[in-house]
Structure formats: C-alpha cells, structure tokens
Amino acid sequence: MFAWNPAWLITVNELASYAMLSALVFHALRDRNA
C-alpha cells in the first residue's frame, strides 16, 4: 500500500517507529510514572 516509497525506506520507517515506541514504553514502565 506504500505507493511511491522504496521497500528499504518503508522498513527503516517501521523499525525506527517501533524502536521509538518501545523506548517510550520501556521508559514509562521503568520510571513507574507513565
């Protein structure tokens, strides 16, 4: 569904956004103040 983006760019975007989301969830759980 990614009309005009190369596959590598889609992969990089998805990995980076999942990494950021994971880091935020980890931080929220670690500090116990979500």
PDB file of all heavy atoms in Angstrom:
ATOM      1  N   MET A   1       0.813  -1.207   0.000  1.00  0.00           N
ATOM      2  CA  MET A   1       0.000   0.000   0.000  1.00  0.00           C
ATOM      3  C   MET A   1       0.850   1.262   0.000  1.00  0.00           C
ATOM      4  O   MET A   1       0.322   2.344   0.094  1.00  0.00           O
ATOM      5  CB  MET A   1      -0.922   0.008   1.214  1.00  0.00           C
ATOM      6  CG  MET A   1      -0.193  -0.013   2.532  1.00  0.00           C
ATOM      7  SD  MET A   1      -1.271  -0.184   3.936  1.00  0.00           S
ATOM      8  CE  MET A   1      -1.660   1.515   4.257  1.00  0.00           C
ATOM      9  N   PHE A   2       2.145   1.144  -0.100  1.00  0.00           N
ATOM     10  CA  PHE A   2       3.015   2.305   0.006  1.00  0.00           C
ATOM     11  C   PHE A   2       3.364   2.777  -1.393  1.00  0.00           C
ATOM     12  O   PHE A   2       4.383   2.397  -1.962  1.00  0.00           O
ATOM     13  CB  PHE A   2       4.259   1.946   0.816  1.00  0.00           C
ATOM     14  CG  PHE A   2       3.894   1.311   2.129  1.00  0.00           C
ATOM     15  CD1 PHE A   2       4.028  -0.049   2.316  1.00  0.00           C
ATOM     16  CD2 PHE A   2       3.392   2.074   3.157  1.00  0.00           C
ATOM     17  CE1 PHE A   2       3.685  -0.627   3.520  1.00  0.00           C
ATOM     18  CE2 PHE A   2       3.037   1.504   4.361  1.00  0.00           C
ATOM     19  CZ  PHE A   2       3.183   0.151   4.546  1.00  0.00           C
ATOM     20  N   ALA A   3       2.528   3.629  -1.918  1.00  0.00           N
ATOM     21  CA  ALA A   3       2.503   3.961  -3.338  1.00  0.00           C
ATOM     22  C   ALA A   3       3.849   4.317  -3.951  1.00  0.00           C
ATOM     23  O   ALA A   3       4.203   3.803  -4.987  1.00  0.00           O
ATOM     24  CB  ALA A   3       1.530   5.104  -3.560  1.00  0.00           C
ATOM     25  N   TRP A   4       4.601   5.180  -3.351  1.00  0.00           N
ATOM     26  CA  TRP A   4       5.791   5.677  -4.042  1.00  0.00           C
ATOM     27  C   TRP A   4       7.043   5.633  -3.177  1.00  0.00           C
ATOM     28  O   TRP A   4       7.912   6.469  -3.295  1.00  0.00           O
ATOM     29  CB  TRP A   4       5.574   7.094  -4.548  1.00  0.00           C
ATOM     30  CG  TRP A   4       4.958   7.992  -3.534  1.00  0.00           C
ATOM     31  CD1 TRP A   4       5.588   8.620  -2.502  1.00  0.00           C
ATOM     32  CD2 TRP A   4       3.598   8.353  -3.432  1.00  0.00           C
ATOM     33  NE1 TRP A   4       4.705   9.349  -1.782  1.00  0.00           N
ATOM     34  CE2 TRP A   4       3.465   9.204  -2.321  1.00  0.00           C
ATOM     35  CE3 TRP A   4       2.462   8.040  -4.173  1.00  0.00           C
ATOM     36  CZ2 TRP A   4       2.245   9.739  -1.941  1.00  0.00           C
ATOM     37  CZ3 TRP A   4       1.257   8.578  -3.780  1.00  0.00           C
ATOM     38  CH2 TRP A   4       1.169   9.414  -2.684  1.00  0.00           C
ATOM     39  N   ASN A   5       7.122   4.653  -2.315  1.00  0.00           N
ATOM     40  CA  ASN A   5       8.290   4.537  -1.450  1.00  0.00           C
ATOM     41  C   ASN A   5       9.025   3.233  -1.693  1.00  0.00           C
ATOM     42  O   ASN A   5       8.410   2.184  -1.823  1.00  0.00           O
ATOM     43  CB  ASN A   5       7.866   4.596   0.014  1.00  0.00           C
ATOM     44  CG  ASN A   5       7.270   5.924   0.354  1.00  0.00           C
ATOM     45  OD1 ASN A   5       7.937   6.935   0.289  1.00  0.00           O
ATOM     46  ND2 ASN A   5       5.997   5.926   0.692  1.00  0.00           N
ATOM     47  N   PRO A   6      10.363   3.291  -1.740  1.00  0.00           N
ATOM     48  CA  PRO A   6      11.126   2.056  -1.894  1.00  0.00           C
ATOM     49  C   PRO A   6      10.972   1.169  -0.649  1.00  0.00           C
ATOM     50  O   PRO A   6      10.747   1.668   0.459  1.00  0.00           O
ATOM     51  CB  PRO A   6      12.567   2.531  -2.049  1.00  0.00           C
ATOM     52  CG  PRO A   6      12.585   3.998  -1.866  1.00  0.00           C
ATOM     53  CD  PRO A   6      11.187   4.486  -1.709  1.00  0.00           C
ATOM     54  N   ALA A   7      11.109  -0.120  -0.830  1.00  0.00           N
ATOM     55  CA  ALA A   7      10.913  -1.081   0.268  1.00  0.00           C
ATOM     56  C   ALA A   7      11.865  -0.824   1.434  1.00  0.00           C
ATOM     57  O   ALA A   7      11.471  -0.948   2.597  1.00  0.00           O
ATOM     58  CB  ALA A   7      11.085  -2.501  -0.266  1.00  0.00           C
ATOM     59  N   TRP A   8      13.114  -0.445   1.161  1.00  0.00           N
ATOM     60  CA  TRP A   8      14.068  -0.210   2.244  1.00  0.00           C
ATOM     61  C   TRP A   8      13.623   0.954   3.118  1.00  0.00           C
ATOM     62  O   TRP A   8      13.812   0.943   4.326  1.00  0.00           O
ATOM     63  CB  TRP A   8      15.472   0.027   1.698  1.00  0.00           C
ATOM     64  CG  TRP A   8      15.616   1.277   0.891  1.00  0.00           C
ATOM     65  CD1 TRP A   8      15.511   1.405  -0.466  1.00  0.00           C
ATOM     66  CD2 TRP A   8      15.869   2.592   1.386  1.00  0.00           C
ATOM     67  NE1 TRP A   8      15.678   2.713  -0.841  1.00  0.00           N
ATOM     68  CE2 TRP A   8      15.901   3.471   0.278  1.00  0.00           C
ATOM     69  CE3 TRP A   8      16.069   3.126   2.647  1.00  0.00           C
ATOM     70  CZ2 TRP A   8      16.122   4.832   0.397  1.00  0.00           C
ATOM     71  CZ3 TRP A   8      16.296   4.489   2.768  1.00  0.00           C
ATOM     72  CH2 TRP A   8      16.315   5.324   1.658  1.00  0.00           C
ATOM     73  N   LEU A   9      13.017   1.982   2.507  1.00  0.00           N
ATOM     74  CA  LEU A   9      12.562   3.137   3.265  1.00  0.00           C
ATOM     75  C   LEU A   9      11.382   2.782   4.165  1.00  0.00           C
ATOM     76  O   LEU A   9      11.313   3.218   5.312  1.00  0.00           O
ATOM     77  CB  LEU A   9      12.185   4.267   2.307  1.00  0.00           C
ATOM     78  CG  LEU A   9      11.737   5.570   2.939  1.00  0.00           C
ATOM     79  CD1 LEU A   9      12.832   6.142   3.832  1.00  0.00           C
ATOM     80  CD2 LEU A   9      11.367   6.566   1.857  1.00  0.00           C
ATOM     81  N   ILE A  10      10.489   1.971   3.664  1.00  0.00           N
ATOM     82  CA  ILE A  10       9.359   1.511   4.471  1.00  0.00           C
ATOM     83  C   ILE A  10       9.870   0.720   5.665  1.00  0.00           C
ATOM     84  O   ILE A  10       9.438   0.920   6.804  1.00  0.00           O
ATOM     85  CB  ILE A  10       8.411   0.650   3.612  1.00  0.00           C
ATOM     86  CG1 ILE A  10       7.810   1.495   2.488  1.00  0.00           C
ATOM     87  CG2 ILE A  10       7.317   0.030   4.469  1.00  0.00           C
ATOM     88  CD1 ILE A  10       7.187   0.680   1.387  1.00  0.00           C
ATOM     89  N   THR A  11      10.824  -0.166   5.430  1.00  0.00           N
ATOM     90  CA  THR A  11      11.395  -0.983   6.507  1.00  0.00           C
ATOM     91  C   THR A  11      12.079  -0.111   7.553  1.00  0.00           C
ATOM     92  O   THR A  11      11.877  -0.299   8.757  1.00  0.00           O
ATOM     93  CB  THR A  11      12.395  -2.002   5.924  1.00  0.00           C
ATOM     94  OG1 THR A  11      11.718  -2.788   4.935  1.00  0.00           O
ATOM     95  CG2 THR A  11      12.955  -2.893   7.000  1.00  0.00           C
ATOM     96  N   VAL A  12      12.872   0.857   7.116  1.00  0.00           N
ATOM     97  CA  VAL A  12      13.556   1.760   8.052  1.00  0.00           C
ATOM     98  C   VAL A  12      12.546   2.542   8.880  1.00  0.00           C
ATOM     99  O   VAL A  12      12.684   2.667  10.100  1.00  0.00           O
ATOM    100  CB  VAL A  12      14.506   2.714   7.297  1.00  0.00           C
ATOM    101  CG1 VAL A  12      14.991   3.835   8.191  1.00  0.00           C
ATOM    102  CG2 VAL A  12      15.688   1.945   6.734  1.00  0.00           C
ATOM    103  N   ASN A  13      11.498   3.054   8.230  1.00  0.00           N
ATOM    104  CA  ASN A  13      10.476   3.811   8.959  1.00  0.00           C
ATOM    105  C   ASN A  13       9.775   2.955  10.000  1.00  0.00           C
ATOM    106  O   ASN A  13       9.538   3.396  11.129  1.00  0.00           O
ATOM    107  CB  ASN A  13       9.443   4.383   8.004  1.00  0.00           C
ATOM    108  CG  ASN A  13       9.954   5.584   7.270  1.00  0.00           C
ATOM    109  OD1 ASN A  13      10.851   6.261   7.734  1.00  0.00           O
ATOM    110  ND2 ASN A  13       9.400   5.848   6.123  1.00  0.00           N
ATOM    111  N   GLU A  14       9.423   1.746   9.611  1.00  0.00           N
ATOM    112  CA  GLU A  14       8.719   0.881  10.553  1.00  0.00           C
ATOM    113  C   GLU A  14       9.609   0.484  11.722  1.00  0.00           C
ATOM    114  O   GLU A  14       9.179   0.507  12.878  1.00  0.00           O
ATOM    115  CB  GLU A  14       8.180  -0.342   9.827  1.00  0.00           C
ATOM    116  CG  GLU A  14       7.041   0.047   8.904  1.00  0.00           C
ATOM    117  CD  GLU A  14       6.452  -1.124   8.167  1.00  0.00           C
ATOM    118  OE1 GLU A  14       6.860  -2.275   8.407  1.00  0.00           O
ATOM    119  OE2 GLU A  14       5.554  -0.886   7.348  1.00  0.00           O
ATOM    120  N   LEU A  15      10.859   0.137  11.451  1.00  0.00           N
ATOM    121  CA  LEU A  15      11.768  -0.239  12.534  1.00  0.00           C
ATOM    122  C   LEU A  15      12.035   0.935  13.473  1.00  0.00           C
ATOM    123  O   LEU A  15      12.034   0.775  14.693  1.00  0.00           O
ATOM    124  CB  LEU A  15      13.071  -0.779  11.960  1.00  0.00           C
ATOM    125  CG  LEU A  15      12.981  -2.125  11.248  1.00  0.00           C
ATOM    126  CD1 LEU A  15      14.330  -2.486  10.631  1.00  0.00           C
ATOM    127  CD2 LEU A  15      12.512  -3.213  12.192  1.00  0.00           C
ATOM    128  N   ALA A  16      12.254   2.120  12.905  1.00  0.00           N
ATOM    129  CA  ALA A  16      12.521   3.301  13.734  1.00  0.00           C
ATOM    130  C   ALA A  16      11.316   3.674  14.583  1.00  0.00           C
ATOM    131  O   ALA A  16      11.461   4.003  15.768  1.00  0.00           O
ATOM    132  CB  ALA A  16      12.927   4.478  12.851  1.00  0.00           C
ATOM    133  N   SER A  17      10.123   3.602  13.993  1.00  0.00           N
ATOM    134  CA  SER A  17       8.934   3.971  14.772  1.00  0.00           C
ATOM    135  C   SER A  17       8.636   2.933  15.853  1.00  0.00           C
ATOM    136  O   SER A  17       8.229   3.291  16.964  1.00  0.00           O
ATOM    137  CB  SER A  17       7.725   4.175  13.859  1.00  0.00           C
ATOM    138  OG  SER A  17       7.439   3.022  13.122  1.00  0.00           O
ATOM    139  N   TYR A  18       8.856   1.645  15.558  1.00  0.00           N
ATOM    140  CA  TYR A  18       8.689   0.620  16.604  1.00  0.00           C
ATOM    141  C   TYR A  18       9.738   0.775  17.701  1.00  0.00           C
ATOM    142  O   TYR A  18       9.450   0.583  18.876  1.00  0.00           O
ATOM    143  CB  TYR A  18       8.770  -0.792  16.013  1.00  0.00           C
ATOM    144  CG  TYR A  18       7.472  -1.285  15.437  1.00  0.00           C
ATOM    145  CD1 TYR A  18       7.394  -1.732  14.131  1.00  0.00           C
ATOM    146  CD2 TYR A  18       6.314  -1.308  16.202  1.00  0.00           C
ATOM    147  CE1 TYR A  18       6.207  -2.190  13.597  1.00  0.00           C
ATOM    148  CE2 TYR A  18       5.123  -1.758  15.669  1.00  0.00           C
ATOM    149  CZ  TYR A  18       5.071  -2.203  14.371  1.00  0.00           C
ATOM    150  OH  TYR A  18       3.898  -2.647  13.855  1.00  0.00           O
ATOM    151  N   ALA A  19      10.953   1.125  17.325  1.00  0.00           N
ATOM    152  CA  ALA A  19      12.007   1.334  18.321  1.00  0.00           C
ATOM    153  C   ALA A  19      11.673   2.509  19.234  1.00  0.00           C
ATOM    154  O   ALA A  19      11.850   2.427  20.458  1.00  0.00           O
ATOM    155  CB  ALA A  19      13.348   1.557  17.623  1.00  0.00           C
ATOM    156  N   MET A  20      11.174   3.598  18.658  1.00  0.00           N
ATOM    157  CA  MET A  20      10.794   4.756  19.463  1.00  0.00           C
ATOM    158  C   MET A  20       9.639   4.405  20.400  1.00  0.00           C
ATOM    159  O   MET A  20       9.657   4.759  21.586  1.00  0.00           O
ATOM    160  CB  MET A  20      10.412   5.927  18.561  1.00  0.00           C
ATOM    161  CG  MET A  20       9.987   7.179  19.310  1.00  0.00           C
ATOM    162  SD  MET A  20      11.304   7.996  20.224  1.00  0.00           S
ATOM    163  CE  MET A  20      12.137   8.877  18.921  1.00  0.00           C
ATOM    164  N   LEU A  21       8.657   3.695  19.885  1.00  0.00           N
ATOM    165  CA  LEU A  21       7.517   3.284  20.712  1.00  0.00           C
ATOM    166  C   LEU A  21       7.975   2.360  21.832  1.00  0.00           C
ATOM    167  O   LEU A  21       7.567   2.521  22.990  1.00  0.00           O
ATOM    168  CB  LEU A  21       6.456   2.605  19.843  1.00  0.00           C
ATOM    169  CG  LEU A  21       5.160   2.205  20.529  1.00  0.00           C
ATOM    170  CD1 LEU A  21       4.477   3.406  21.176  1.00  0.00           C
ATOM    171  CD2 LEU A  21       4.232   1.550  19.522  1.00  0.00           C
ATOM    172  N   SER A  22       8.850   1.427  21.521  1.00  0.00           N
ATOM    173  CA  SER A  22       9.373   0.510  22.541  1.00  0.00           C
ATOM    174  C   SER A  22      10.165   1.254  23.604  1.00  0.00           C
ATOM    175  O   SER A  22      10.042   0.974  24.796  1.00  0.00           O
ATOM    176  CB  SER A  22      10.267  -0.550  21.895  1.00  0.00           C
ATOM    177  OG  SER A  22       9.544  -1.315  20.980  1.00  0.00           O
ATOM    178  N   ALA A  23      10.982   2.219  23.178  1.00  0.00           N
ATOM    179  CA  ALA A  23      11.763   3.006  24.142  1.00  0.00           C
ATOM    180  C   ALA A  23      10.850   3.798  25.070  1.00  0.00           C
ATOM    181  O   ALA A  23      11.097   3.879  26.277  1.00  0.00           O
ATOM    182  CB  ALA A  23      12.715   3.944  23.395  1.00  0.00           C
ATOM    183  N   LEU A  24       9.795   4.372  24.532  1.00  0.00           N
ATOM    184  CA  LEU A  24       8.862   5.137  25.360  1.00  0.00           C
ATOM    185  C   LEU A  24       8.119   4.248  26.352  1.00  0.00           C
ATOM    186  O   LEU A  24       7.940   4.613  27.516  1.00  0.00           O
ATOM    187  CB  LEU A  24       7.871   5.895  24.485  1.00  0.00           C
ATOM    188  CG  LEU A  24       8.414   7.159  23.856  1.00  0.00           C
ATOM    189  CD1 LEU A  24       7.501   7.649  22.750  1.00  0.00           C
ATOM    190  CD2 LEU A  24       8.604   8.226  24.913  1.00  0.00           C
ATOM    191  N   VAL A  25       7.689   3.080  25.898  1.00  0.00           N
ATOM    192  CA  VAL A  25       7.001   2.150  26.803  1.00  0.00           C
ATOM    193  C   VAL A  25       7.962   1.669  27.885  1.00  0.00           C
ATOM    194  O   VAL A  25       7.608   1.616  29.072  1.00  0.00           O
ATOM    195  CB  VAL A  25       6.390   0.965  26.012  1.00  0.00           C
ATOM    196  CG1 VAL A  25       5.910  -0.128  26.944  1.00  0.00           C
ATOM    197  CG2 VAL A  25       5.250   1.461  25.133  1.00  0.00           C
ATOM    198  N   PHE A  26       9.191   1.343  27.505  1.00  0.00           N
ATOM    199  CA  PHE A  26      10.201   0.925  28.473  1.00  0.00           C
ATOM    200  C   PHE A  26      10.437   2.031  29.508  1.00  0.00           C
ATOM    201  O   PHE A  26      10.502   1.775  30.709  1.00  0.00           O
ATOM    202  CB  PHE A  26      11.508   0.574  27.762  1.00  0.00           C
ATOM    203  CG  PHE A  26      12.639   0.263  28.689  1.00  0.00           C
ATOM    204  CD1 PHE A  26      12.709  -0.962  29.331  1.00  0.00           C
ATOM    205  CD2 PHE A  26      13.633   1.200  28.927  1.00  0.00           C
ATOM    206  CE1 PHE A  26      13.746  -1.257  30.200  1.00  0.00           C
ATOM    207  CE2 PHE A  26      14.673   0.930  29.796  1.00  0.00           C
ATOM    208  CZ  PHE A  26      14.736  -0.301  30.428  1.00  0.00           C
ATOM    209  N   HIS A  27      10.564   3.257  29.029  1.00  0.00           N
ATOM    210  CA  HIS A  27      10.783   4.391  29.929  1.00  0.00           C
ATOM    211  C   HIS A  27       9.603   4.579  30.887  1.00  0.00           C
ATOM    212  O   HIS A  27       9.796   4.808  32.084  1.00  0.00           O
ATOM    213  CB  HIS A  27      11.012   5.665  29.130  1.00  0.00           C
ATOM    214  CG  HIS A  27      11.059   6.904  29.956  1.00  0.00           C
ATOM    215  ND1 HIS A  27      12.054   7.142  30.869  1.00  0.00           N
ATOM    216  CD2 HIS A  27      10.220   7.962  30.031  1.00  0.00           C
ATOM    217  CE1 HIS A  27      11.829   8.307  31.464  1.00  0.00           C
ATOM    218  NE2 HIS A  27      10.720   8.811  30.966  1.00  0.00           N
ATOM    219  N   ALA A  28       8.396   4.471  30.354  1.00  0.00           N
ATOM    220  CA  ALA A  28       7.202   4.643  31.189  1.00  0.00           C
ATOM    221  C   ALA A  28       7.125   3.563  32.263  1.00  0.00           C
ATOM    222  O   ALA A  28       6.784   3.839  33.420  1.00  0.00           O
ATOM    223  CB  ALA A  28       5.947   4.618  30.322  1.00  0.00           C
ATOM    224  N   LEU A  29       7.450   2.328  31.903  1.00  0.00           N
ATOM    225  CA  LEU A  29       7.404   1.233  32.877  1.00  0.00           C
ATOM    226  C   LEU A  29       8.547   1.333  33.883  1.00  0.00           C
ATOM    227  O   LEU A  29       8.368   1.039  35.064  1.00  0.00           O
ATOM    228  CB  LEU A  29       7.463  -0.112  32.151  1.00  0.00           C
ATOM    229  CG  LEU A  29       6.259  -0.432  31.269  1.00  0.00           C
ATOM    230  CD1 LEU A  29       6.502  -1.722  30.492  1.00  0.00           C
ATOM    231  CD2 LEU A  29       4.994  -0.529  32.108  1.00  0.00           C
ATOM    232  N   ARG A  30       9.712   1.748  33.421  1.00  0.00           N
ATOM    233  CA  ARG A  30      10.883   1.846  34.292  1.00  0.00           C
ATOM    234  C   ARG A  30      10.709   2.927  35.354  1.00  0.00           C
ATOM    235  O   ARG A  30      11.048   2.733  36.517  1.00  0.00           O
ATOM    236  CB  ARG A  30      12.121   2.131  33.455  1.00  0.00           C
ATOM    237  CG  ARG A  30      13.408   2.033  34.232  1.00  0.00           C
ATOM    238  CD  ARG A  30      14.613   2.315  33.338  1.00  0.00           C
ATOM    239  NE  ARG A  30      15.449   3.233  34.065  1.00  0.00           N
ATOM    240  CZ  ARG A  30      15.739   4.468  33.722  1.00  0.00           C
ATOM    241  NH1 ARG A  30      15.274   4.946  32.604  1.00  0.00           N
ATOM    242  NH2 ARG A  30      16.486   5.228  34.455  1.00  0.00           N
ATOM    243  N   ASP A  31      10.193   4.068  34.939  1.00  0.00           N
ATOM    244  CA  ASP A  31      10.027   5.176  35.874  1.00  0.00           C
ATOM    245  C   ASP A  31       8.746   5.077  36.702  1.00  0.00           C
ATOM    246  O   ASP A  31       8.547   5.874  37.600  1.00  0.00           O
ATOM    247  CB  ASP A  31      10.047   6.512  35.125  1.00  0.00           C
ATOM    248  CG  ASP A  31      11.448   6.926  34.753  1.00  0.00           C
ATOM    249  OD1 ASP A  31      12.398   6.198  35.098  1.00  0.00           O
ATOM    250  OD2 ASP A  31      11.592   7.977  34.112  1.00  0.00           O
ATOM    251  N   ARG A  32       7.883   4.133  36.367  1.00  0.00           N
ATOM    252  CA  ARG A  32       6.629   3.912  37.094  1.00  0.00           C
ATOM    253  C   ARG A  32       5.778   5.179  37.176  1.00  0.00           C
ATOM    254  O   ARG A  32       5.072   5.405  38.140  1.00  0.00           O
ATOM    255  CB  ARG A  32       6.883   3.365  38.491  1.00  0.00           C
ATOM    256  CG  ARG A  32       7.413   1.955  38.502  1.00  0.00           C
ATOM    257  CD  ARG A  32       7.520   1.467  39.917  1.00  0.00           C
ATOM    258  NE  ARG A  32       7.835   0.123  40.222  1.00  0.00           N
ATOM    259  CZ  ARG A  32       8.586  -0.741  39.614  1.00  0.00           C
ATOM    260  NH1 ARG A  32       9.127  -0.443  38.500  1.00  0.00           N
ATOM    261  NH2 ARG A  32       8.813  -1.943  40.077  1.00  0.00           N
ATOM    262  N   ASN A  33       5.902   6.013  36.189  1.00  0.00           N
ATOM    263  CA  ASN A  33       5.107   7.227  36.122  1.00  0.00           C
ATOM    264  C   ASN A  33       4.755   7.467  34.656  1.00  0.00           C
ATOM    265  O   ASN A  33       5.268   8.381  34.020  1.00  0.00           O
ATOM    266  CB  ASN A  33       5.873   8.413  36.709  1.00  0.00           C
ATOM    267  CG  ASN A  33       4.928   9.493  37.178  1.00  0.00           C
ATOM    268  OD1 ASN A  33       3.754   9.492  36.813  1.00  0.00           O
ATOM    269  ND2 ASN A  33       5.432  10.406  37.975  1.00  0.00           N
ATOM    270  N   ALA A  34       3.873   6.628  34.138  1.00  0.00           N
ATOM    271  CA  ALA A  34       3.566   6.610  32.710  1.00  0.00           C
ATOM    272  C   ALA A  34       2.835   7.851  32.220  1.00  0.00           C
ATOM    273  O   ALA A  34       2.791   8.096  31.024  1.00  0.00           O
ATOM    274  CB  ALA A  34       2.741   5.370  32.385  1.00  0.00           C
TER     275      ALA A  34
END
